[in-house]
mmCIF file of all heavy atoms, coordinates in Angstrom:
data_MODEL
# 
_entry.id   MODEL 
# 
loop_
_atom_site.group_PDB 
_atom_site.id 
_atom_site.type_symbol 
_atom_site.label_atom_id 
_atom_site.label_alt_id 
_atom_site.label_comp_id 
_atom_site.label_asym_id 
_atom_site.label_entity_id 
_atom_site.label_seq_id 
_atom_site.pdbx_PDB_ins_code 
_atom_site.Cartn_x 
_atom_site.Cartn_y 
_atom_site.Cartn_z 
_atom_site.occupancy 
_atom_site.B_iso_or_equiv 
_atom_site.pdbx_formal_charge 
_atom_site.auth_seq_id 
_atom_site.auth_comp_id 
_atom_site.auth_asym_id 
_atom_site.auth_atom_id 
_atom_site.pdbx_PDB_model_num 
ATOM 1   N N   . ALA A 1 1  ? -1.736 6.842  -6.178  1.00 0.00 ? 1  ALA A N   1 
ATOM 2   C CA  . ALA A 1 1  ? -2.072 6.121  -4.948  1.00 0.00 ? 1  ALA A CA  1 
ATOM 3   C C   . ALA A 1 1  ? -1.054 5.017  -4.650  1.00 0.00 ? 1  ALA A C   1 
ATOM 4   O O   . ALA A 1 1  ? -0.629 4.839  -3.499  1.00 0.00 ? 1  ALA A O   1 
ATOM 5   C CB  . ALA A 1 1  ? -3.477 5.530  -5.073  1.00 0.00 ? 1  ALA A CB  1 
ATOM 6   N N   . TYR A 1 2  ? -0.653 4.275  -5.670  1.00 0.00 ? 2  TYR A N   1 
ATOM 7   C CA  . TYR A 1 2  ? 0.368  3.243  -5.472  1.00 0.00 ? 2  TYR A CA  1 
ATOM 8   C C   . TYR A 1 2  ? 1.667  3.854  -4.947  1.00 0.00 ? 2  TYR A C   1 
ATOM 9   O O   . TYR A 1 2  ? 2.334  3.268  -4.097  1.00 0.00 ? 2  TYR A O   1 
ATOM 10  C CB  . TYR A 1 2  ? 0.651  2.519  -6.791  1.00 0.00 ? 2  TYR A CB  1 
ATOM 11  C CG  . TYR A 1 2  ? -0.334 1.431  -7.164  1.00 0.00 ? 2  TYR A CG  1 
ATOM 12  C CD1 . TYR A 1 2  ? -0.593 1.137  -8.506  1.00 0.00 ? 2  TYR A CD1 1 
ATOM 13  C CD2 . TYR A 1 2  ? -0.976 0.671  -6.189  1.00 0.00 ? 2  TYR A CD2 1 
ATOM 14  C CE1 . TYR A 1 2  ? -1.473 0.127  -8.865  1.00 0.00 ? 2  TYR A CE1 1 
ATOM 15  C CE2 . TYR A 1 2  ? -1.862 -0.342 -6.541  1.00 0.00 ? 2  TYR A CE2 1 
ATOM 16  C CZ  . TYR A 1 2  ? -2.107 -0.606 -7.881  1.00 0.00 ? 2  TYR A CZ  1 
ATOM 17  O OH  . TYR A 1 2  ? -2.981 -1.614 -8.223  1.00 0.00 ? 2  TYR A OH  1 
ATOM 18  N N   . PHE A 1 3  ? 2.033  5.009  -5.473  1.00 0.00 ? 3  PHE A N   1 
ATOM 19  C CA  . PHE A 1 3  ? 3.271  5.648  -5.036  1.00 0.00 ? 3  PHE A CA  1 
ATOM 20  C C   . PHE A 1 3  ? 3.186  6.033  -3.559  1.00 0.00 ? 3  PHE A C   1 
ATOM 21  O O   . PHE A 1 3  ? 4.165  5.894  -2.818  1.00 0.00 ? 3  PHE A O   1 
ATOM 22  C CB  . PHE A 1 3  ? 3.569  6.881  -5.890  1.00 0.00 ? 3  PHE A CB  1 
ATOM 23  C CG  . PHE A 1 3  ? 4.947  7.446  -5.656  1.00 0.00 ? 3  PHE A CG  1 
ATOM 24  C CD1 . PHE A 1 3  ? 6.047  6.896  -6.285  1.00 0.00 ? 3  PHE A CD1 1 
ATOM 25  C CD2 . PHE A 1 3  ? 5.146  8.527  -4.808  1.00 0.00 ? 3  PHE A CD2 1 
ATOM 26  C CE1 . PHE A 1 3  ? 7.329  7.401  -6.075  1.00 0.00 ? 3  PHE A CE1 1 
ATOM 27  C CE2 . PHE A 1 3  ? 6.411  9.034  -4.585  1.00 0.00 ? 3  PHE A CE2 1 
ATOM 28  C CZ  . PHE A 1 3  ? 7.511  8.471  -5.216  1.00 0.00 ? 3  PHE A CZ  1 
ATOM 29  N N   . GLU A 1 4  ? 2.026  6.509  -3.135  1.00 0.00 ? 4  GLU A N   1 
ATOM 30  C CA  . GLU A 1 4  ? 1.831  6.858  -1.726  1.00 0.00 ? 4  GLU A CA  1 
ATOM 31  C C   . GLU A 1 4  ? 2.088  5.660  -0.817  1.00 0.00 ? 4  GLU A C   1 
ATOM 32  O O   . GLU A 1 4  ? 2.587  5.804  0.298   1.00 0.00 ? 4  GLU A O   1 
ATOM 33  C CB  . GLU A 1 4  ? 0.408  7.383  -1.505  1.00 0.00 ? 4  GLU A CB  1 
ATOM 34  C CG  . GLU A 1 4  ? 0.138  8.760  -2.075  1.00 0.00 ? 4  GLU A CG  1 
ATOM 35  C CD  . GLU A 1 4  ? 0.843  9.855  -1.304  1.00 0.00 ? 4  GLU A CD  1 
ATOM 36  O OE1 . GLU A 1 4  ? 0.927  9.751  -0.069  1.00 0.00 ? 4  GLU A OE1 1 
ATOM 37  O OE2 . GLU A 1 4  ? 1.335  10.804 -1.955  1.00 0.00 ? 4  GLU A OE2 1 
ATOM 38  N N   . LYS A 1 5  ? 1.741  4.473  -1.282  1.00 0.00 ? 5  LYS A N   1 
ATOM 39  C CA  . LYS A 1 5  ? 1.922  3.235  -0.495  1.00 0.00 ? 5  LYS A CA  1 
ATOM 40  C C   . LYS A 1 5  ? 3.230  2.516  -0.842  1.00 0.00 ? 5  LYS A C   1 
ATOM 41  O O   . LYS A 1 5  ? 3.460  1.417  -0.356  1.00 0.00 ? 5  LYS A O   1 
ATOM 42  C CB  . LYS A 1 5  ? 0.739  2.296  -0.713  1.00 0.00 ? 5  LYS A CB  1 
ATOM 43  C CG  . LYS A 1 5  ? -0.625 2.901  -0.409  1.00 0.00 ? 5  LYS A CG  1 
ATOM 44  C CD  . LYS A 1 5  ? -0.756 3.374  1.033   1.00 0.00 ? 5  LYS A CD  1 
ATOM 45  C CE  . LYS A 1 5  ? -0.795 2.252  2.022   1.00 0.00 ? 5  LYS A CE  1 
ATOM 46  N NZ  . LYS A 1 5  ? -1.094 2.722  3.395   1.00 0.00 ? 5  LYS A NZ  1 
ATOM 47  N N   . ARG A 1 6  ? 4.059  3.133  -1.686  1.00 0.00 ? 6  ARG A N   1 
ATOM 48  C CA  . ARG A 1 6  ? 5.343  2.564  -2.101  1.00 0.00 ? 6  ARG A CA  1 
ATOM 49  C C   . ARG A 1 6  ? 5.172  1.191  -2.765  1.00 0.00 ? 6  ARG A C   1 
ATOM 50  O O   . ARG A 1 6  ? 6.030  0.315  -2.636  1.00 0.00 ? 6  ARG A O   1 
ATOM 51  C CB  . ARG A 1 6  ? 6.317  2.491  -0.915  1.00 0.00 ? 6  ARG A CB  1 
ATOM 52  C CG  . ARG A 1 6  ? 6.579  3.845  -0.290  1.00 0.00 ? 6  ARG A CG  1 
ATOM 53  C CD  . ARG A 1 6  ? 7.585  3.763  0.850   1.00 0.00 ? 6  ARG A CD  1 
ATOM 54  N NE  . ARG A 1 6  ? 8.928  3.444  0.364   1.00 0.00 ? 6  ARG A NE  1 
ATOM 55  C CZ  . ARG A 1 6  ? 9.791  4.319  -0.134  1.00 0.00 ? 6  ARG A CZ  1 
ATOM 56  N NH1 . ARG A 1 6  ? 9.444  5.608  -0.233  1.00 0.00 ? 6  ARG A NH1 1 
ATOM 57  N NH2 . ARG A 1 6  ? 10.988 3.946  -0.523  1.00 0.00 ? 6  ARG A NH2 1 
ATOM 58  N N   . ARG A 1 7  ? 4.105  1.040  -3.493  1.00 0.00 ? 7  ARG A N   1 
ATOM 59  C CA  . ARG A 1 7  ? 3.857  -0.188 -4.244  1.00 0.00 ? 7  ARG A CA  1 
ATOM 60  C C   . ARG A 1 7  ? 4.423  -0.001 -5.656  1.00 0.00 ? 7  ARG A C   1 
ATOM 61  O O   . ARG A 1 7  ? 3.702  0.142  -6.642  1.00 0.00 ? 7  ARG A O   1 
ATOM 62  C CB  . ARG A 1 7  ? 2.367  -0.517 -4.257  1.00 0.00 ? 7  ARG A CB  1 
ATOM 63  C CG  . ARG A 1 7  ? 1.838  -0.942 -2.900  1.00 0.00 ? 7  ARG A CG  1 
ATOM 64  C CD  . ARG A 1 7  ? 0.325  -1.108 -2.859  1.00 0.00 ? 7  ARG A CD  1 
ATOM 65  N NE  . ARG A 1 7  ? -0.162 -2.084 -3.828  1.00 0.00 ? 7  ARG A NE  1 
ATOM 66  C CZ  . ARG A 1 7  ? -1.433 -2.467 -3.923  1.00 0.00 ? 7  ARG A CZ  1 
ATOM 67  N NH1 . ARG A 1 7  ? -2.336 -1.972 -3.062  1.00 0.00 ? 7  ARG A NH1 1 
ATOM 68  N NH2 . ARG A 1 7  ? -1.810 -3.331 -4.833  1.00 0.00 ? 7  ARG A NH2 1 
ATOM 69  N N   . PHE A 1 8  ? 5.745  0.028  -5.745  1.00 0.00 ? 8  PHE A N   1 
ATOM 70  C CA  . PHE A 1 8  ? 6.415  0.424  -6.974  1.00 0.00 ? 8  PHE A CA  1 
ATOM 71  C C   . PHE A 1 8  ? 6.191  -0.557 -8.120  1.00 0.00 ? 8  PHE A C   1 
ATOM 72  O O   . PHE A 1 8  ? 6.029  -0.148 -9.272  1.00 0.00 ? 8  PHE A O   1 
ATOM 73  C CB  . PHE A 1 8  ? 7.914  0.602  -6.718  1.00 0.00 ? 8  PHE A CB  1 
ATOM 74  C CG  . PHE A 1 8  ? 8.227  1.634  -5.666  1.00 0.00 ? 8  PHE A CG  1 
ATOM 75  C CD1 . PHE A 1 8  ? 9.029  1.317  -4.585  1.00 0.00 ? 8  PHE A CD1 1 
ATOM 76  C CD2 . PHE A 1 8  ? 7.709  2.914  -5.758  1.00 0.00 ? 8  PHE A CD2 1 
ATOM 77  C CE1 . PHE A 1 8  ? 9.324  2.265  -3.618  1.00 0.00 ? 8  PHE A CE1 1 
ATOM 78  C CE2 . PHE A 1 8  ? 7.991  3.871  -4.795  1.00 0.00 ? 8  PHE A CE2 1 
ATOM 79  C CZ  . PHE A 1 8  ? 8.805  3.543  -3.719  1.00 0.00 ? 8  PHE A CZ  1 
ATOM 80  N N   . GLU A 1 9  ? 6.196  -1.849 -7.831  1.00 0.00 ? 9  GLU A N   1 
ATOM 81  C CA  . GLU A 1 9  ? 5.985  -2.834 -8.895  1.00 0.00 ? 9  GLU A CA  1 
ATOM 82  C C   . GLU A 1 9  ? 4.586  -2.694 -9.498  1.00 0.00 ? 9  GLU A C   1 
ATOM 83  O O   . GLU A 1 9  ? 4.414  -2.749 -10.724 1.00 0.00 ? 9  GLU A O   1 
ATOM 84  C CB  . GLU A 1 9  ? 6.197  -4.248 -8.349  1.00 0.00 ? 9  GLU A CB  1 
ATOM 85  C CG  . GLU A 1 9  ? 7.617  -4.549 -7.899  1.00 0.00 ? 9  GLU A CG  1 
ATOM 86  C CD  . GLU A 1 9  ? 8.583  -4.733 -9.062  1.00 0.00 ? 9  GLU A CD  1 
ATOM 87  O OE1 . GLU A 1 9  ? 8.130  -4.674 -10.226 1.00 0.00 ? 9  GLU A OE1 1 
ATOM 88  O OE2 . GLU A 1 9  ? 9.784  -4.937 -8.806  1.00 0.00 ? 9  GLU A OE2 1 
ATOM 89  N N   . ASP A 1 10 ? 3.586  -2.525 -8.637  1.00 0.00 ? 10 ASP A N   1 
ATOM 90  C CA  . ASP A 1 10 ? 2.216  -2.336 -9.133  1.00 0.00 ? 10 ASP A CA  1 
ATOM 91  C C   . ASP A 1 10 ? 2.117  -1.041 -9.937  1.00 0.00 ? 10 ASP A C   1 
ATOM 92  O O   . ASP A 1 10 ? 1.409  -0.973 -10.943 1.00 0.00 ? 10 ASP A O   1 
ATOM 93  C CB  . ASP A 1 10 ? 1.231  -2.299 -7.962  1.00 0.00 ? 10 ASP A CB  1 
ATOM 94  C CG  . ASP A 1 10 ? 1.072  -3.655 -7.293  1.00 0.00 ? 10 ASP A CG  1 
ATOM 95  O OD1 . ASP A 1 10 ? 1.159  -4.668 -7.999  1.00 0.00 ? 10 ASP A OD1 1 
ATOM 96  O OD2 . ASP A 1 10 ? 0.867  -3.697 -6.070  1.00 0.00 ? 10 ASP A OD2 1 
ATOM 97  N N   . LEU A 1 11 ? 2.815  -0.018 -9.478  1.00 0.00 ? 11 LEU A N   1 
ATOM 98  C CA  . LEU A 1 11 ? 2.808  1.261  -10.198 1.00 0.00 ? 11 LEU A CA  1 
ATOM 99  C C   . LEU A 1 11 ? 3.377  1.087  -11.599 1.00 0.00 ? 11 LEU A C   1 
ATOM 100 O O   . LEU A 1 11 ? 2.796  1.576  -12.580 1.00 0.00 ? 11 LEU A O   1 
ATOM 101 C CB  . LEU A 1 11 ? 3.639  2.285  -9.407  1.00 0.00 ? 11 LEU A CB  1 
ATOM 102 C CG  . LEU A 1 11 ? 3.637  3.744  -9.879  1.00 0.00 ? 11 LEU A CG  1 
ATOM 103 C CD1 . LEU A 1 11 ? 4.011  4.670  -8.719  1.00 0.00 ? 11 LEU A CD1 1 
ATOM 104 C CD2 . LEU A 1 11 ? 4.596  3.981  -11.046 1.00 0.00 ? 11 LEU A CD2 1 
ATOM 105 N N   . ILE A 1 12 ? 4.500  0.402  -11.710 1.00 0.00 ? 12 ILE A N   1 
ATOM 106 C CA  . ILE A 1 12 ? 5.142  0.211  -13.013 1.00 0.00 ? 12 ILE A CA  1 
ATOM 107 C C   . ILE A 1 12 ? 4.230  -0.568 -13.963 1.00 0.00 ? 12 ILE A C   1 
ATOM 108 O O   . ILE A 1 12 ? 4.072  -0.214 -15.142 1.00 0.00 ? 12 ILE A O   1 
ATOM 109 C CB  . ILE A 1 12 ? 6.492  -0.506 -12.831 1.00 0.00 ? 12 ILE A CB  1 
ATOM 110 C CG1 . ILE A 1 12 ? 7.486  0.436  -12.136 1.00 0.00 ? 12 ILE A CG1 1 
ATOM 111 C CG2 . ILE A 1 12 ? 7.050  -0.974 -14.175 1.00 0.00 ? 12 ILE A CG2 1 
ATOM 112 C CD1 . ILE A 1 12 ? 8.744  -0.247 -11.637 1.00 0.00 ? 12 ILE A CD1 1 
ATOM 113 N N   . THR A 1 13 ? 3.587  -1.608 -13.451 1.00 0.00 ? 13 THR A N   1 
ATOM 114 C CA  . THR A 1 13 ? 2.666  -2.395 -14.270 1.00 0.00 ? 13 THR A CA  1 
ATOM 115 C C   . THR A 1 13 ? 1.521  -1.535 -14.790 1.00 0.00 ? 13 THR A C   1 
ATOM 116 O O   . THR A 1 13 ? 1.135  -1.621 -15.968 1.00 0.00 ? 13 THR A O   1 
ATOM 117 C CB  . THR A 1 13 ? 2.100  -3.575 -13.455 1.00 0.00 ? 13 THR A CB  1 
ATOM 118 O OG1 . THR A 1 13 ? 3.176  -4.414 -13.031 1.00 0.00 ? 13 THR A OG1 1 
ATOM 119 C CG2 . THR A 1 13 ? 1.116  -4.385 -14.283 1.00 0.00 ? 13 THR A CG2 1 
ATOM 120 N N   . THR A 1 14 ? 0.990  -0.686 -13.915 1.00 0.00 ? 14 THR A N   1 
ATOM 121 C CA  . THR A 1 14 ? -0.116 0.189  -14.310 1.00 0.00 ? 14 THR A CA  1 
ATOM 122 C C   . THR A 1 14 ? 0.345  1.228  -15.315 1.00 0.00 ? 14 THR A C   1 
ATOM 123 O O   . THR A 1 14 ? -0.348 1.509  -16.307 1.00 0.00 ? 14 THR A O   1 
ATOM 124 C CB  . THR A 1 14 ? -0.704 0.889  -13.068 1.00 0.00 ? 14 THR A CB  1 
ATOM 125 O OG1 . THR A 1 14 ? -1.149 -0.106 -12.135 1.00 0.00 ? 14 THR A OG1 1 
ATOM 126 C CG2 . THR A 1 14 ? -1.871 1.790  -13.436 1.00 0.00 ? 14 THR A CG2 1 
ATOM 127 N N   . ALA A 1 15 ? 1.518  1.799  -15.094 1.00 0.00 ? 15 ALA A N   1 
ATOM 128 C CA  . ALA A 1 15 ? 2.027  2.833  -16.002 1.00 0.00 ? 15 ALA A CA  1 
ATOM 129 C C   . ALA A 1 15 ? 2.213  2.299  -17.416 1.00 0.00 ? 15 ALA A C   1 
ATOM 130 O O   . ALA A 1 15 ? 1.971  3.008  -18.403 1.00 0.00 ? 15 ALA A O   1 
ATOM 131 C CB  . ALA A 1 15 ? 3.335  3.390  -15.456 1.00 0.00 ? 15 ALA A CB  1 
ATOM 132 N N   . LYS A 1 16 ? 2.618  1.057  -17.537 1.00 0.00 ? 16 LYS A N   1 
ATOM 133 C CA  . LYS A 1 16 ? 2.851  0.479  -18.862 1.00 0.00 ? 16 LYS A CA  1 
ATOM 134 C C   . LYS A 1 16 ? 1.562  0.362  -19.673 1.00 0.00 ? 16 LYS A C   1 
ATOM 135 O O   . LYS A 1 16 ? 1.600  0.330  -20.907 1.00 0.00 ? 16 LYS A O   1 
ATOM 136 C CB  . LYS A 1 16 ? 3.528  -0.884 -18.723 1.00 0.00 ? 16 LYS A CB  1 
ATOM 137 C CG  . LYS A 1 16 ? 4.990  -0.770 -18.295 1.00 0.00 ? 16 LYS A CG  1 
ATOM 138 C CD  . LYS A 1 16 ? 5.646  -2.133 -18.140 1.00 0.00 ? 16 LYS A CD  1 
ATOM 139 C CE  . LYS A 1 16 ? 7.113  -1.991 -17.754 1.00 0.00 ? 16 LYS A CE  1 
ATOM 140 N NZ  . LYS A 1 16 ? 7.757  -3.298 -17.546 1.00 0.00 ? 16 LYS A NZ  1 
ATOM 141 N N   . LYS A 1 17 ? 0.422  0.329  -18.982 1.00 0.00 ? 17 LYS A N   1 
ATOM 142 C CA  . LYS A 1 17 ? -0.867 0.245  -19.688 1.00 0.00 ? 17 LYS A CA  1 
ATOM 143 C C   . LYS A 1 17 ? -1.196 1.531  -20.432 1.00 0.00 ? 17 LYS A C   1 
ATOM 144 O O   . LYS A 1 17 ? -1.922 1.506  -21.429 1.00 0.00 ? 17 LYS A O   1 
ATOM 145 C CB  . LYS A 1 17 ? -1.993 -0.061 -18.693 1.00 0.00 ? 17 LYS A CB  1 
ATOM 146 C CG  . LYS A 1 17 ? -1.889 -1.412 -18.007 1.00 0.00 ? 17 LYS A CG  1 
ATOM 147 C CD  . LYS A 1 17 ? -3.011 -1.569 -16.997 1.00 0.00 ? 17 LYS A CD  1 
ATOM 148 C CE  . LYS A 1 17 ? -2.910 -2.868 -16.216 1.00 0.00 ? 17 LYS A CE  1 
ATOM 149 N NZ  . LYS A 1 17 ? -3.977 -2.984 -15.186 1.00 0.00 ? 17 LYS A NZ  1 
ATOM 150 N N   . ILE A 1 18 ? -0.691 2.656  -19.933 1.00 0.00 ? 18 ILE A N   1 
ATOM 151 C CA  . ILE A 1 18 ? -1.041 3.954  -20.544 1.00 0.00 ? 18 ILE A CA  1 
ATOM 152 C C   . ILE A 1 18 ? 0.205  4.691  -21.048 1.00 0.00 ? 18 ILE A C   1 
ATOM 153 O O   . ILE A 1 18 ? 0.135  5.864  -21.403 1.00 0.00 ? 18 ILE A O   1 
ATOM 154 C CB  . ILE A 1 18 ? -1.805 4.845  -19.552 1.00 0.00 ? 18 ILE A CB  1 
ATOM 155 C CG1 . ILE A 1 18 ? -0.990 5.063  -18.269 1.00 0.00 ? 18 ILE A CG1 1 
ATOM 156 C CG2 . ILE A 1 18 ? -3.170 4.262  -19.234 1.00 0.00 ? 18 ILE A CG2 1 
ATOM 157 C CD1 . ILE A 1 18 ? -1.605 6.094  -17.331 1.00 0.00 ? 18 ILE A CD1 1 
ATOM 158 N N   . TYR A 1 19 ? 1.333  3.989  -21.078 1.00 0.00 ? 19 TYR A N   1 
ATOM 159 C CA  . TYR A 1 19 ? 2.592  4.622  -21.463 1.00 0.00 ? 19 TYR A CA  1 
ATOM 160 C C   . TYR A 1 19 ? 2.522  5.215  -22.870 1.00 0.00 ? 19 TYR A C   1 
ATOM 161 O O   . TYR A 1 19 ? 3.157  6.240  -23.158 1.00 0.00 ? 19 TYR A O   1 
ATOM 162 C CB  . TYR A 1 19 ? 3.726  3.594  -21.387 1.00 0.00 ? 19 TYR A CB  1 
ATOM 163 C CG  . TYR A 1 19 ? 5.092  4.170  -21.650 1.00 0.00 ? 19 TYR A CG  1 
ATOM 164 C CD1 . TYR A 1 19 ? 5.843  4.732  -20.628 1.00 0.00 ? 19 TYR A CD1 1 
ATOM 165 C CD2 . TYR A 1 19 ? 5.638  4.148  -22.939 1.00 0.00 ? 19 TYR A CD2 1 
ATOM 166 C CE1 . TYR A 1 19 ? 7.092  5.265  -20.860 1.00 0.00 ? 19 TYR A CE1 1 
ATOM 167 C CE2 . TYR A 1 19 ? 6.891  4.674  -23.189 1.00 0.00 ? 19 TYR A CE2 1 
ATOM 168 C CZ  . TYR A 1 19 ? 7.619  5.234  -22.146 1.00 0.00 ? 19 TYR A CZ  1 
ATOM 169 O OH  . TYR A 1 19 ? 8.850  5.770  -22.386 1.00 0.00 ? 19 TYR A OH  1 
ATOM 170 N N   . HIS A 1 20 ? 1.769  4.597  -23.745 1.00 0.00 ? 20 HIS A N   1 
ATOM 171 C CA  . HIS A 1 20 ? 1.705  5.017  -25.148 1.00 0.00 ? 20 HIS A CA  1 
ATOM 172 C C   . HIS A 1 20 ? 0.889  6.287  -25.348 1.00 0.00 ? 20 HIS A C   1 
ATOM 173 O O   . HIS A 1 20 ? 0.935  6.889  -26.425 1.00 0.00 ? 20 HIS A O   1 
ATOM 174 C CB  . HIS A 1 20 ? 1.091  3.901  -25.994 1.00 0.00 ? 20 HIS A CB  1 
ATOM 175 C CG  . HIS A 1 20 ? -0.339 3.593  -25.620 1.00 0.00 ? 20 HIS A CG  1 
ATOM 176 N ND1 . HIS A 1 20 ? -0.664 2.890  -24.468 1.00 0.00 ? 20 HIS A ND1 1 
ATOM 177 C CD2 . HIS A 1 20 ? -1.521 3.925  -26.219 1.00 0.00 ? 20 HIS A CD2 1 
ATOM 178 C CE1 . HIS A 1 20 ? -1.987 2.780  -24.396 1.00 0.00 ? 20 HIS A CE1 1 
ATOM 179 N NE2 . HIS A 1 20 ? -2.522 3.397  -25.434 1.00 0.00 ? 20 HIS A NE2 1 
ATOM 180 N N   . LEU A 1 21 ? 0.137  6.710  -24.339 1.00 0.00 ? 21 LEU A N   1 
ATOM 181 C CA  . LEU A 1 21 ? -0.718 7.886  -24.493 1.00 0.00 ? 21 LEU A CA  1 
ATOM 182 C C   . LEU A 1 21 ? 0.119  9.167  -24.442 1.00 0.00 ? 21 LEU A C   1 
ATOM 183 O O   . LEU A 1 21 ? 0.987  9.304  -23.579 1.00 0.00 ? 21 LEU A O   1 
ATOM 184 C CB  . LEU A 1 21 ? -1.779 7.923  -23.382 1.00 0.00 ? 21 LEU A CB  1 
ATOM 185 C CG  . LEU A 1 21 ? -2.758 6.745  -23.355 1.00 0.00 ? 21 LEU A CG  1 
ATOM 186 C CD1 . LEU A 1 21 ? -3.682 6.856  -22.151 1.00 0.00 ? 21 LEU A CD1 1 
ATOM 187 C CD2 . LEU A 1 21 ? -3.570 6.712  -24.642 1.00 0.00 ? 21 LEU A CD2 1 
ATOM 188 N N   . PRO A 1 22 ? -0.122 10.113 -25.352 1.00 0.00 ? 22 PRO A N   1 
ATOM 189 C CA  . PRO A 1 22 ? 0.702  11.332 -25.379 1.00 0.00 ? 22 PRO A CA  1 
ATOM 190 C C   . PRO A 1 22 ? 0.604  12.160 -24.099 1.00 0.00 ? 22 PRO A C   1 
ATOM 191 O O   . PRO A 1 22 ? 1.563  12.822 -23.708 1.00 0.00 ? 22 PRO A O   1 
ATOM 192 C CB  . PRO A 1 22 ? 0.144  12.115 -26.583 1.00 0.00 ? 22 PRO A CB  1 
ATOM 193 C CG  . PRO A 1 22 ? -1.206 11.516 -26.864 1.00 0.00 ? 22 PRO A CG  1 
ATOM 194 C CD  . PRO A 1 22 ? -1.121 10.087 -26.437 1.00 0.00 ? 22 PRO A CD  1 
ATOM 195 N N   . GLN A 1 23 ? -0.551 12.087 -23.416 1.00 0.00 ? 23 GLN A N   1 
ATOM 196 C CA  . GLN A 1 23 ? -0.713 12.850 -22.186 1.00 0.00 ? 23 GLN A CA  1 
ATOM 197 C C   . GLN A 1 23 ? 0.172  12.318 -21.057 1.00 0.00 ? 23 GLN A C   1 
ATOM 198 O O   . GLN A 1 23 ? 0.516  13.055 -20.138 1.00 0.00 ? 23 GLN A O   1 
ATOM 199 C CB  . GLN A 1 23 ? -2.184 12.822 -21.720 1.00 0.00 ? 23 GLN A CB  1 
ATOM 200 C CG  . GLN A 1 23 ? -3.158 13.408 -22.720 1.00 0.00 ? 23 GLN A CG  1 
ATOM 201 C CD  . GLN A 1 23 ? -3.698 12.351 -23.683 1.00 0.00 ? 23 GLN A CD  1 
ATOM 202 O OE1 . GLN A 1 23 ? -3.025 11.371 -23.991 1.00 0.00 ? 23 GLN A OE1 1 
ATOM 203 N NE2 . GLN A 1 23 ? -4.911 12.569 -24.162 1.00 0.00 ? 23 GLN A NE2 1 
ATOM 204 N N   . PHE A 1 24 ? 0.543  11.058 -21.131 1.00 0.00 ? 24 PHE A N   1 
ATOM 205 C CA  . PHE A 1 24 ? 1.325  10.443 -20.063 1.00 0.00 ? 24 PHE A CA  1 
ATOM 206 C C   . PHE A 1 24 ? 2.700  11.101 -19.934 1.00 0.00 ? 24 PHE A C   1 
ATOM 207 O O   . PHE A 1 24 ? 3.213  11.284 -18.830 1.00 0.00 ? 24 PHE A O   1 
ATOM 208 C CB  . PHE A 1 24 ? 1.479  8.945  -20.325 1.00 0.00 ? 24 PHE A CB  1 
ATOM 209 C CG  . PHE A 1 24 ? 2.251  8.223  -19.259 1.00 0.00 ? 24 PHE A CG  1 
ATOM 210 C CD1 . PHE A 1 24 ? 1.659  7.918  -18.040 1.00 0.00 ? 24 PHE A CD1 1 
ATOM 211 C CD2 . PHE A 1 24 ? 3.574  7.850  -19.463 1.00 0.00 ? 24 PHE A CD2 1 
ATOM 212 C CE1 . PHE A 1 24 ? 2.369  7.256  -17.045 1.00 0.00 ? 24 PHE A CE1 1 
ATOM 213 C CE2 . PHE A 1 24 ? 4.285  7.184  -18.474 1.00 0.00 ? 24 PHE A CE2 1 
ATOM 214 C CZ  . PHE A 1 24 ? 3.686  6.894  -17.263 1.00 0.00 ? 24 PHE A CZ  1 
# 
């Protein structure tokens, strides 16, 4: 959803929360 709105900084912050998960 963030990507759809081009909210790249918010997207990066959110991605870092789950980056460690193997499914990511």
